[in-house]
Amino acid sequence: MAIIKNGIVGGFLGKVGPVVGTKWKGLYVMRGLPDKSTKPPSEKQEAQQARFKLAINFVNKMRELLQVSFKDFNDNKMGTNSAASYVMKNAVIGEYPNLAIDYSYVLVARGDLPNVIIAAAASTEPGKISFTWTDNAGRGIAKKDDKAILVAYCEEKKLFYSKYKDGASRSDGLDELETKGLSGKTVQTWLSFISANKKDVAPSVYTGEVIVR
C-alpha cells in the first residue's frame, strides 16, 4: 500500500490499470490488484472466510455506531474493521460450516473508560427496552456526566437499534431505548458509556437477552 501525497496528480478513487485508489482514514492510498488464484481454497481457508463473513455481516449493520463507540487500538483499522476482528476472534463459535455468534462475548463499544459493574435490561412497555445500572462515578476516570450508549439487536430481523447521541448520564442510573416494530421479538442488549467530551468510551457490558413487549 502506498500513501498519495499532494502532487501533480493528487489523490484518486477507483481502478487505474493494475492499481486501485481509495481513501483510508483521511488519506488517499493505492493498492495493487491481487493476483487471481486458480487453486481452490482449503477447508481451513473456507472456515476462516466463513468466520470473517459472519463477523463482518454482523458489525456492518451498526457501522455508524462503531465509528463512535469502538475505540481502535490499532491505528491501521477503522472502527468497523476492528470490531469485526474482535467478534471473529472472540465471539464466533462452532465448527465450520455450523458457525454462530455468542452475543455474550460481543463488544459493541470498546475503550478505556470504566463501565458500570451492575447493569440490566428489561422490556416493561410495548416497543421499549429499559436499561438500569448502578452509578459508579469516581471509579478511575468515570464521571457522573458520562453518557449512556444503549444497543439492541434482533437476530430474527437482522436489525440493530441504538442510542448514543443523547443518552442519559451515568449518575441517572436508567435510560430507555425505542425498539418499534419488535414487539414479541427476542433481542440481545448491551450498555456502554462515552465521556461528555466524546473522547473516551467504555467497553460494553452484555445486559442479556430480552423479549420486547
Protein backbone atom coordinates (compact mmCIF):
# COMPACT_ATOMS: atom_id res chain seq x y z
CA MET A 1 0.00 0.00 0.00
CA ALA A 2 1.30 3.49 -0.88
CA ILE A 3 0.15 6.85 0.51
CA ILE A 4 -0.50 9.51 -2.12
CA LYS A 5 0.65 12.97 -1.10
CA ASN A 6 -0.44 16.17 -2.84
CA GLY A 7 1.36 16.38 -6.11
CA ILE A 8 0.84 16.64 -9.82
CA VAL A 9 -1.96 14.07 -9.82
CA GLY A 10 -3.19 14.33 -6.24
CA GLY A 11 -5.44 11.59 -4.86
CA PHE A 12 -7.79 9.43 -6.91
CA LEU A 13 -10.54 6.91 -6.32
CA GLY A 14 -11.16 3.77 -8.34
CA LYS A 15 -9.22 1.39 -10.53
CA VAL A 16 -6.44 2.66 -12.78
CA GLY A 17 -4.53 -0.07 -14.60
CA PRO A 18 -3.04 -2.51 -12.08
CA VAL A 19 -3.79 -0.34 -9.01
CA VAL A 20 -6.82 0.80 -7.04
CA GLY A 21 -7.06 4.23 -5.42
CA THR A 22 -9.13 4.66 -2.28
CA LYS A 23 -9.46 6.90 0.77
CA TRP A 24 -8.49 5.45 4.15
CA LYS A 25 -8.58 7.40 7.45
CA GLY A 26 -8.49 10.70 5.55
CA LEU A 27 -5.54 9.71 3.31
CA TYR A 28 -5.52 8.72 -0.34
CA VAL A 29 -3.85 5.35 -0.78
CA MET A 30 -3.04 2.99 -3.63
CA ARG A 31 -3.23 -0.79 -3.52
CA GLY A 32 -2.08 -3.27 -6.12
CA LEU A 33 -4.69 -5.62 -7.52
CA PRO A 34 -4.29 -9.11 -6.06
CA ASP A 35 -3.36 -11.95 -8.38
CA LYS A 36 -6.26 -14.28 -9.04
CA SER A 37 -5.63 -17.72 -7.63
CA THR A 38 -6.64 -20.79 -9.61
CA LYS A 39 -6.09 -23.03 -6.61
CA PRO A 40 -9.30 -23.90 -4.71
CA PRO A 41 -9.29 -22.80 -1.05
CA SER A 42 -8.54 -25.40 1.59
CA GLU A 43 -11.17 -26.35 4.17
CA LYS A 44 -9.24 -24.31 6.74
CA GLN A 45 -9.30 -21.28 4.44
CA GLU A 46 -13.02 -21.75 3.78
CA ALA A 47 -13.66 -21.92 7.52
CA GLN A 48 -11.70 -18.72 8.13
CA GLN A 49 -13.52 -16.95 5.30
CA ALA A 50 -16.87 -18.08 6.70
CA ARG A 51 -15.96 -16.83 10.18
CA PHE A 52 -14.93 -13.45 8.76
CA LYS A 53 -18.08 -13.18 6.62
CA LEU A 54 -20.29 -13.92 9.63
CA ALA A 55 -18.50 -11.30 11.74
CA ILE A 56 -18.40 -8.57 9.08
CA ASN A 57 -22.06 -9.05 8.12
CA PHE A 58 -22.96 -8.66 11.79
CA VAL A 59 -20.95 -5.49 12.51
CA ASN A 60 -21.79 -3.81 9.19
CA LYS A 61 -25.34 -3.35 10.44
CA MET A 62 -24.05 -0.98 13.14
CA ARG A 63 -21.35 0.78 11.12
CA GLU A 64 -22.39 4.30 12.14
CA LEU A 65 -22.41 3.42 15.84
CA LEU A 66 -19.00 1.71 15.70
CA GLN A 67 -17.28 4.79 14.31
CA VAL A 68 -18.18 6.41 17.65
CA SER A 69 -18.27 3.53 20.10
CA PHE A 70 -15.43 1.22 19.10
CA LYS A 71 -12.22 2.95 20.02
CA ASP A 72 -9.49 1.48 17.88
CA PHE A 73 -6.37 0.03 19.46
CA ASN A 74 -4.80 -0.41 16.02
CA ASP A 75 -4.23 2.82 14.10
CA ASN A 76 -4.42 0.90 10.83
CA LYS A 77 -8.07 -0.10 11.27
CA MET A 78 -11.36 1.75 11.27
CA GLY A 79 -13.92 1.03 13.97
CA THR A 80 -15.97 -1.42 11.89
CA ASN A 81 -12.95 -3.48 10.85
CA SER A 82 -11.59 -3.54 14.37
CA ALA A 83 -14.97 -4.63 15.72
CA ALA A 84 -15.26 -7.38 13.09
CA SER A 85 -11.81 -8.65 14.00
CA TYR A 86 -12.77 -8.75 17.69
CA VAL A 87 -16.04 -10.60 17.00
CA MET A 88 -14.35 -13.13 14.74
CA LYS A 89 -11.64 -13.91 17.30
CA ASN A 90 -13.78 -13.89 20.44
CA ALA A 91 -17.48 -14.38 19.67
CA VAL A 92 -17.79 -16.68 16.64
CA ILE A 93 -18.36 -20.23 17.91
CA GLY A 94 -18.95 -23.68 16.45
CA GLU A 95 -17.26 -25.81 13.82
CA TYR A 96 -17.43 -24.90 10.15
CA PRO A 97 -19.90 -24.89 8.48
CA ASN A 98 -22.07 -24.69 11.62
CA LEU A 99 -20.96 -21.29 12.91
CA ALA A 100 -22.83 -18.84 15.14
CA ILE A 101 -22.21 -15.75 17.25
CA ASP A 102 -22.19 -15.94 21.05
CA TYR A 103 -23.59 -12.50 21.83
CA SER A 104 -22.39 -12.56 25.43
CA TYR A 105 -18.83 -12.26 24.08
CA VAL A 106 -19.58 -9.45 21.62
CA LEU A 107 -18.33 -5.92 22.23
CA VAL A 108 -20.29 -3.12 20.58
CA ALA A 109 -18.12 -0.48 22.24
CA ARG A 110 -14.50 -0.51 23.34
CA GLY A 111 -12.22 1.91 25.12
CA ASP A 112 -10.53 2.79 28.40
CA LEU A 113 -13.46 4.43 30.20
CA PRO A 114 -14.72 2.25 33.09
CA ASN A 115 -18.16 0.77 32.55
CA VAL A 116 -20.65 0.11 35.33
CA ILE A 117 -20.39 -3.17 37.23
CA ILE A 118 -24.09 -3.81 37.83
CA ALA A 119 -26.45 -3.35 34.85
CA ALA A 120 -29.64 -4.91 33.48
CA ALA A 121 -32.12 -4.58 30.62
CA ALA A 122 -35.83 -5.39 30.52
CA SER A 123 -38.93 -4.55 28.49
CA THR A 124 -41.82 -3.29 30.59
CA GLU A 125 -43.57 -1.19 27.93
CA PRO A 126 -44.52 -2.09 24.36
CA GLY A 127 -41.72 -1.33 21.91
CA LYS A 128 -39.28 -0.15 24.58
CA ILE A 129 -36.30 -1.55 26.49
CA SER A 130 -35.34 -0.11 29.86
CA PHE A 131 -31.69 -0.17 30.94
CA THR A 132 -30.73 0.26 34.58
CA TRP A 133 -27.34 0.45 36.28
CA THR A 134 -25.60 1.37 39.49
CA ASP A 135 -23.75 4.70 39.32
CA ASN A 136 -20.02 4.18 39.84
CA ALA A 137 -18.78 7.68 39.05
CA GLY A 138 -15.35 8.23 40.58
CA ARG A 139 -14.06 4.78 39.66
CA GLY A 140 -10.98 5.54 37.59
CA ILE A 141 -11.87 8.24 35.09
CA ALA A 142 -15.61 7.51 35.24
CA LYS A 143 -17.65 10.69 35.72
CA LYS A 144 -21.25 11.45 36.57
CA ASP A 145 -21.81 13.19 33.22
CA ASP A 146 -20.64 10.25 31.08
CA LYS A 147 -23.44 9.46 28.62
CA ALA A 148 -25.05 6.04 28.17
CA ILE A 149 -24.84 4.08 24.92
CA LEU A 150 -27.75 1.65 24.53
CA VAL A 151 -27.76 -1.12 21.91
CA ALA A 152 -30.21 -3.87 20.95
CA TYR A 153 -30.00 -6.43 18.14
CA CYS A 154 -32.77 -8.64 16.79
CA GLU A 155 -31.24 -11.67 15.09
CA GLU A 156 -34.55 -12.74 13.53
CA LYS A 157 -34.97 -9.43 11.70
CA LYS A 158 -31.24 -8.64 11.43
CA LEU A 159 -31.91 -5.18 12.89
CA PHE A 160 -29.89 -3.01 15.28
CA TYR A 161 -31.35 -0.30 17.46
CA SER A 162 -29.07 2.09 19.30
CA LYS A 163 -28.99 5.31 21.25
CA TYR A 164 -25.63 7.04 21.52
CA LYS A 165 -26.10 10.74 20.82
CA ASP A 166 -28.40 11.78 23.66
CA GLY A 167 -28.09 9.06 26.29
CA ALA A 168 -28.77 9.57 29.99
CA SER A 169 -25.92 10.43 32.36
CA ARG A 170 -24.09 7.77 34.35
CA SER A 171 -25.47 9.35 37.52
CA ASP A 172 -29.09 8.90 36.30
CA GLY A 173 -28.94 5.14 36.66
CA LEU A 174 -31.50 4.44 33.93
CA ASP A 175 -32.38 5.09 30.29
CA GLU A 176 -34.77 3.81 27.65
CA LEU A 177 -34.32 2.57 24.07
CA GLU A 178 -37.11 2.72 21.48
CA THR A 179 -37.47 -0.55 19.54
CA LYS A 180 -40.61 -0.02 17.49
CA GLY A 181 -41.66 -2.96 15.38
CA LEU A 182 -40.05 -5.55 17.65
CA SER A 183 -42.94 -6.39 19.97
CA GLY A 184 -42.80 -10.10 20.76
CA LYS A 185 -39.29 -10.43 19.33
CA THR A 186 -36.15 -11.52 21.17
CA VAL A 187 -33.24 -9.08 21.20
CA GLN A 188 -29.68 -9.05 22.52
CA THR A 189 -28.72 -5.97 24.55
CA TRP A 190 -25.58 -4.07 25.54
CA LEU A 191 -24.74 -0.99 27.61
CA SER A 192 -21.74 1.31 27.37
CA PHE A 193 -20.77 4.89 28.19
CA ILE A 194 -19.00 7.71 26.40
CA SER A 195 -17.42 10.71 28.12
CA ALA A 196 -19.09 14.12 27.79
CA ASN A 197 -16.24 15.31 25.54
CA LYS A 198 -16.69 12.20 23.30
CA LYS A 199 -13.03 11.19 23.71
CA ASP A 200 -13.34 8.15 25.98
CA VAL A 201 -15.57 5.10 25.59
CA ALA A 202 -16.25 2.19 27.94
CA PRO A 203 -16.07 -1.46 26.85
CA SER A 204 -19.69 -2.57 26.52
CA VAL A 205 -21.43 -4.79 29.05
CA TYR A 206 -23.76 -7.51 27.75
CA THR A 207 -27.08 -6.96 29.50
CA GLY A 208 -28.71 -10.13 28.25
CA GLU A 209 -31.49 -11.41 26.07
CA VAL A 210 -34.79 -9.56 26.27
CA ILE A 211 -38.23 -10.24 24.79
CA VAL A 212 -39.73 -6.92 23.71
CA ARG A 213 -43.29 -6.35 24.93
